[in-house]
Structures are given as C-alpha cells and as structure tokens.
Amino acid sequence: MVAHGYPDKQHKQSLDAMALDQLQVLASSGDRSASVIYAQKTALFPQGFYDGVGMLRDEALSGNLYAYYGLSEVYRGSNEHRNLVDSAAYLRLAYLLGDWRATYAIGKLGLSQIELAAADERAASLLQTFAEGSAPSPRPLE
C-alpha cells in the first residue's frame, strides 16, 4: 500500500489536520500521501483548482494510486467543479488498477445506474490516459 501512496489510518488523520505549508514540506520530502492531500486541499480552494488537479494528475501518472482518491474527492467536494460522475470514474480507475476497496467509496456516492454507467465509460477513457500498458497491482487484503 505504501508503494502506491496510501497512508495508514493514523497518518491520514495526521495529514488531514495539517496546514497547507506543513503538507507542502512533507510532499517536498517525498511523502506520497502528503503530496495527494496537499494537492487535494489546494484544488478545493477556488483559485487553486487547476493547480491542485494538475498535481494530482502528475501523482497518478507517477504510479500513485492514492491520487485517484484525491481526484475523486476534488470532484465530489468542489463547489464550482462538482461532478459526481467524474468522482466515481476516478475511483473506478483505482479499482481497475487493483484497489478493490474503491468500490465501497463508489457506493457511498449514491449514484443512479445511469450515472454509474457514465462513470464506467469515463473510467475506461481515463484508463487510456493514466495507465496505458500498466498491469493492475492488487491492493492487499487487510
């Protein structure tokens, strides 16, 4: 899980409580989880959306599967750019790349069957963008 940027529960709680400048220091030191949380928090500021999403996309392209959760959260939590289909699509992409727990997060979004189908279609497109040629790397059963 660490190889793909996922924090354990305690580290996640710690990161969520940090200010942006603290997260930036940890992200700069190579903490992949902090990089995702920093980018996610940046994207949720109205003026920071595109910068934050860009950082999350870079993390995803580098193999950080946790970045898909960050992207999902941004599209779920943004006021201006809210898009639950995209939110689910990024979680579905995490699932396709081996994170079986992403299905639970998708279920919590409460989407209709039509929205889920649209999310699956979007995830297939995202798979080509982010993971062309990558084999799934299964999340270990806990």
C-alpha atoms as a PDB file:
ATOM      1  CA  MET A   1       0.000   0.000   0.000  1.00  0.00           C
ATOM      2  CA  VAL A   2       2.831   2.390   0.796  1.00  0.00           C
ATOM      3  CA  ALA A   3       4.296   1.787  -2.670  1.00  0.00           C
ATOM      4  CA  HIS A   4       1.127   3.240  -4.179  1.00  0.00           C
ATOM      5  CA  GLY A   5       0.930   6.274  -1.890  1.00  0.00           C
ATOM      6  CA  TYR A   6      -1.773   5.084   0.507  1.00  0.00           C
ATOM      7  CA  PRO A   7      -1.426   6.340   4.081  1.00  0.00           C
ATOM      8  CA  ASP A   8      -2.354   4.215   7.053  1.00  0.00           C
ATOM      9  CA  LYS A   9      -5.297   5.458   9.117  1.00  0.00           C
ATOM     10  CA  GLN A  10      -3.183   7.327  11.685  1.00  0.00           C
ATOM     11  CA  HIS A  11      -1.029   9.035   9.040  1.00  0.00           C
ATOM     12  CA  LYS A  12      -4.150  10.055   7.084  1.00  0.00           C
ATOM     13  CA  GLN A  13      -5.675  11.669  10.174  1.00  0.00           C
ATOM     14  CA  SER A  14      -2.426  13.488  10.823  1.00  0.00           C
ATOM     15  CA  LEU A  15      -2.211  14.734   7.231  1.00  0.00           C
ATOM     16  CA  ASP A  16      -5.840  15.864   7.197  1.00  0.00           C
ATOM     17  CA  ALA A  17      -5.178  18.034  10.253  1.00  0.00           C
ATOM     18  CA  MET A  18      -2.122  19.766   8.771  1.00  0.00           C
ATOM     19  CA  ALA A  19      -1.989  23.208   7.216  1.00  0.00           C
ATOM     20  CA  LEU A  20      -1.019  23.591   3.574  1.00  0.00           C
ATOM     21  CA  ASP A  21       2.509  24.784   4.342  1.00  0.00           C
ATOM     22  CA  GLN A  22       3.157  21.721   6.540  1.00  0.00           C
ATOM     23  CA  LEU A  23       1.804  19.419   3.840  1.00  0.00           C
ATOM     24  CA  GLN A  24       3.959  21.112   1.229  1.00  0.00           C
ATOM     25  CA  VAL A  25       7.097  20.433   3.282  1.00  0.00           C
ATOM     26  CA  LEU A  26       6.198  16.753   3.669  1.00  0.00           C
ATOM     27  CA  ALA A  27       5.274  16.466  -0.012  1.00  0.00           C
ATOM     28  CA  SER A  28       8.596  18.044  -0.994  1.00  0.00           C
ATOM     29  CA  SER A  29      10.414  15.489   1.144  1.00  0.00           C
ATOM     30  CA  GLY A  30       8.853  12.640  -0.843  1.00  0.00           C
ATOM     31  CA  ASP A  31       5.814  11.699   1.254  1.00  0.00           C
ATOM     32  CA  ARG A  32       3.441  10.486  -1.482  1.00  0.00           C
ATOM     33  CA  SER A  33       0.379  10.586   0.770  1.00  0.00           C
ATOM     34  CA  ALA A  34       1.152  14.163   1.776  1.00  0.00           C
ATOM     35  CA  SER A  35       1.527  15.050  -1.908  1.00  0.00           C
ATOM     36  CA  VAL A  36      -2.024  13.855  -2.557  1.00  0.00           C
ATOM     37  CA  ILE A  37      -3.557  15.596   0.450  1.00  0.00           C
ATOM     38  CA  TYR A  38      -1.646  18.806  -0.342  1.00  0.00           C
ATOM     39  CA  ALA A  39      -2.843  18.755  -3.963  1.00  0.00           C
ATOM     40  CA  GLN A  40      -6.385  17.889  -2.922  1.00  0.00           C
ATOM     41  CA  LYS A  41      -6.585  20.742  -0.418  1.00  0.00           C
ATOM     42  CA  THR A  42      -5.063  23.103  -2.985  1.00  0.00           C
ATOM     43  CA  ALA A  43      -7.651  22.074  -5.589  1.00  0.00           C
ATOM     44  CA  LEU A  44     -10.526  22.686  -3.220  1.00  0.00           C
ATOM     45  CA  PHE A  45      -9.600  26.379  -2.974  1.00  0.00           C
ATOM     46  CA  PRO A  46     -11.436  28.227  -5.768  1.00  0.00           C
ATOM     47  CA  GLN A  47      -8.247  29.747  -7.190  1.00  0.00           C
ATOM     48  CA  GLY A  48      -6.276  26.513  -6.760  1.00  0.00           C
ATOM     49  CA  PHE A  49      -8.468  24.032  -8.618  1.00  0.00           C
ATOM     50  CA  TYR A  50      -6.383  23.665 -11.763  1.00  0.00           C
ATOM     51  CA  ASP A  51      -3.049  23.685  -9.919  1.00  0.00           C
ATOM     52  CA  GLY A  52      -4.274  21.034  -7.479  1.00  0.00           C
ATOM     53  CA  VAL A  53      -5.787  18.837 -10.170  1.00  0.00           C
ATOM     54  CA  GLY A  54      -2.559  19.141 -12.161  1.00  0.00           C
ATOM     55  CA  MET A  55      -0.546  17.989  -9.158  1.00  0.00           C
ATOM     56  CA  LEU A  56      -2.925  15.070  -8.598  1.00  0.00           C
ATOM     57  CA  ARG A  57      -2.698  14.056 -12.255  1.00  0.00           C
ATOM     58  CA  ASP A  58       1.110  14.140 -12.015  1.00  0.00           C
ATOM     59  CA  GLU A  59       0.964  11.926  -8.926  1.00  0.00           C
ATOM     60  CA  ALA A  60      -1.368   9.497 -10.699  1.00  0.00           C
ATOM     61  CA  LEU A  61       0.885   9.381 -13.749  1.00  0.00           C
ATOM     62  CA  SER A  62       3.838   8.562 -11.473  1.00  0.00           C
ATOM     63  CA  GLY A  63       2.012   5.480 -10.176  1.00  0.00           C
ATOM     64  CA  ASN A  64       0.481   6.905  -7.010  1.00  0.00           C
ATOM     65  CA  LEU A  65      -2.882   5.097  -6.918  1.00  0.00           C
ATOM     66  CA  TYR A  66      -3.945   7.133  -3.894  1.00  0.00           C
ATOM     67  CA  ALA A  67      -4.042  10.163  -6.210  1.00  0.00           C
ATOM     68  CA  TYR A  68      -7.234   8.764  -7.754  1.00  0.00           C
ATOM     69  CA  TYR A  69      -8.910   9.111  -4.374  1.00  0.00           C
ATOM     70  CA  GLY A  70      -7.683  12.701  -4.248  1.00  0.00           C
ATOM     71  CA  LEU A  71      -9.100  13.414  -7.691  1.00  0.00           C
ATOM     72  CA  SER A  72     -12.373  11.775  -6.713  1.00  0.00           C
ATOM     73  CA  GLU A  73     -12.584  13.885  -3.573  1.00  0.00           C
ATOM     74  CA  VAL A  74     -11.880  17.073  -5.512  1.00  0.00           C
ATOM     75  CA  TYR A  75     -14.696  16.410  -7.992  1.00  0.00           C
ATOM     76  CA  ARG A  76     -17.024  15.428  -5.160  1.00  0.00           C
ATOM     77  CA  GLY A  77     -16.136  18.310  -2.836  1.00  0.00           C
ATOM     78  CA  SER A  78     -15.660  21.224  -5.222  1.00  0.00           C
ATOM     79  CA  ASN A  79     -18.401  23.824  -5.313  1.00  0.00           C
ATOM     80  CA  GLU A  80     -17.580  25.168  -8.756  1.00  0.00           C
ATOM     81  CA  HIS A  81     -16.375  21.941 -10.414  1.00  0.00           C
ATOM     82  CA  ARG A  82     -18.562  19.361  -8.655  1.00  0.00           C
ATOM     83  CA  ASN A  83     -19.035  16.291 -10.831  1.00  0.00           C
ATOM     84  CA  LEU A  84     -20.062  13.037  -9.145  1.00  0.00           C
ATOM     85  CA  VAL A  85     -19.674  11.028 -12.349  1.00  0.00           C
ATOM     86  CA  ASP A  86     -16.015  12.076 -12.604  1.00  0.00           C
ATOM     87  CA  SER A  87     -15.623  11.452  -8.886  1.00  0.00           C
ATOM     88  CA  ALA A  88     -16.833   7.872  -9.341  1.00  0.00           C
ATOM     89  CA  ALA A  89     -14.781   7.445 -12.521  1.00  0.00           C
ATOM     90  CA  TYR A  90     -11.511   8.132 -10.696  1.00  0.00           C
ATOM     91  CA  LEU A  91     -12.472   5.613  -8.019  1.00  0.00           C
ATOM     92  CA  ARG A  92     -13.365   3.089 -10.710  1.00  0.00           C
ATOM     93  CA  LEU A  93      -9.951   3.668 -12.247  1.00  0.00           C
ATOM     94  CA  ALA A  94      -8.338   2.891  -8.873  1.00  0.00           C
ATOM     95  CA  TYR A  95     -10.427  -0.287  -8.823  1.00  0.00           C
ATOM     96  CA  LEU A  96      -9.348  -1.253 -12.338  1.00  0.00           C
ATOM     97  CA  LEU A  97      -5.727  -0.798 -11.288  1.00  0.00           C
ATOM     98  CA  GLY A  98      -6.140  -3.182  -8.353  1.00  0.00           C
ATOM     99  CA  ASP A  99      -7.767  -1.307  -5.462  1.00  0.00           C
ATOM    100  CA  TRP A 100     -10.767  -3.474  -4.590  1.00  0.00           C
ATOM    101  CA  ARG A 101     -11.788  -1.114  -1.751  1.00  0.00           C
ATOM    102  CA  ALA A 102     -12.589   1.674  -4.205  1.00  0.00           C
ATOM    103  CA  THR A 103     -15.961   0.020  -4.836  1.00  0.00           C
ATOM    104  CA  TYR A 104     -17.016   0.895  -1.286  1.00  0.00           C
ATOM    105  CA  ALA A 105     -16.246   4.562  -1.893  1.00  0.00           C
ATOM    106  CA  ILE A 106     -18.198   4.471  -5.157  1.00  0.00           C
ATOM    107  CA  GLY A 107     -21.198   3.011  -3.345  1.00  0.00           C
ATOM    108  CA  LYS A 108     -21.123   5.866  -0.833  1.00  0.00           C
ATOM    109  CA  LEU A 109     -21.622   8.389  -3.648  1.00  0.00           C
ATOM    110  CA  GLY A 110     -25.228   7.205  -4.095  1.00  0.00           C
ATOM    111  CA  LEU A 111     -25.247   7.415  -7.887  1.00  0.00           C
ATOM    112  CA  SER A 112     -28.035   6.149 -10.140  1.00  0.00           C
ATOM    113  CA  GLN A 113     -27.466   3.271 -12.547  1.00  0.00           C
ATOM    114  CA  ILE A 114     -27.185   5.732 -15.436  1.00  0.00           C
ATOM    115  CA  GLU A 115     -24.585   7.786 -13.568  1.00  0.00           C
ATOM    116  CA  LEU A 116     -22.636   4.621 -12.714  1.00  0.00           C
ATOM    117  CA  ALA A 117     -22.654   3.582 -16.365  1.00  0.00           C
ATOM    118  CA  ALA A 118     -21.394   7.033 -17.360  1.00  0.00           C
ATOM    119  CA  ALA A 119     -18.678   6.775 -14.681  1.00  0.00           C
ATOM    120  CA  ASP A 120     -17.594   3.394 -16.055  1.00  0.00           C
ATOM    121  CA  GLU A 121     -17.367   4.837 -19.550  1.00  0.00           C
ATOM    122  CA  ARG A 122     -15.344   7.792 -18.264  1.00  0.00           C
ATOM    123  CA  ALA A 123     -13.070   5.437 -16.283  1.00  0.00           C
ATOM    124  CA  ALA A 124     -12.343   3.442 -19.438  1.00  0.00           C
ATOM    125  CA  SER A 125     -11.236   6.674 -21.107  1.00  0.00           C
ATOM    126  CA  LEU A 126      -9.150   7.672 -18.083  1.00  0.00           C
ATOM    127  CA  LEU A 127      -7.510   4.248 -18.085  1.00  0.00           C
ATOM    128  CA  GLN A 128      -6.078   5.010 -21.515  1.00  0.00           C
ATOM    129  CA  THR A 129      -4.788   8.382 -20.301  1.00  0.00           C
ATOM    130  CA  PHE A 130      -3.286   7.344 -16.990  1.00  0.00           C
ATOM    131  CA  ALA A 131      -2.432   3.689 -17.184  1.00  0.00           C
ATOM    132  CA  GLU A 132      -1.780   2.752 -20.772  1.00  0.00           C
ATOM    133  CA  GLY A 133       0.079  -0.541 -20.603  1.00  0.00           C
ATOM    134  CA  SER A 134       0.077  -0.722 -16.796  1.00  0.00           C
ATOM    135  CA  ALA A 135      -0.901  -4.002 -15.219  1.00  0.00           C
ATOM    136  CA  PRO A 136      -3.150  -3.889 -12.152  1.00  0.00           C
ATOM    137  CA  SER A 137      -1.316  -4.013  -8.840  1.00  0.00           C
ATOM    138  CA  PRO A 138      -3.755  -5.545  -6.356  1.00  0.00           C
ATOM    139  CA  ARG A 139      -4.323  -3.954  -3.000  1.00  0.00           C
ATOM    140  CA  PRO A 140      -3.525  -6.493  -0.297  1.00  0.00           C
ATOM    141  CA  LEU A 141      -6.423  -7.906   1.676  1.00  0.00           C
ATOM    142  CA  GLU A 142      -6.379  -6.481   5.171  1.00  0.00           C
END
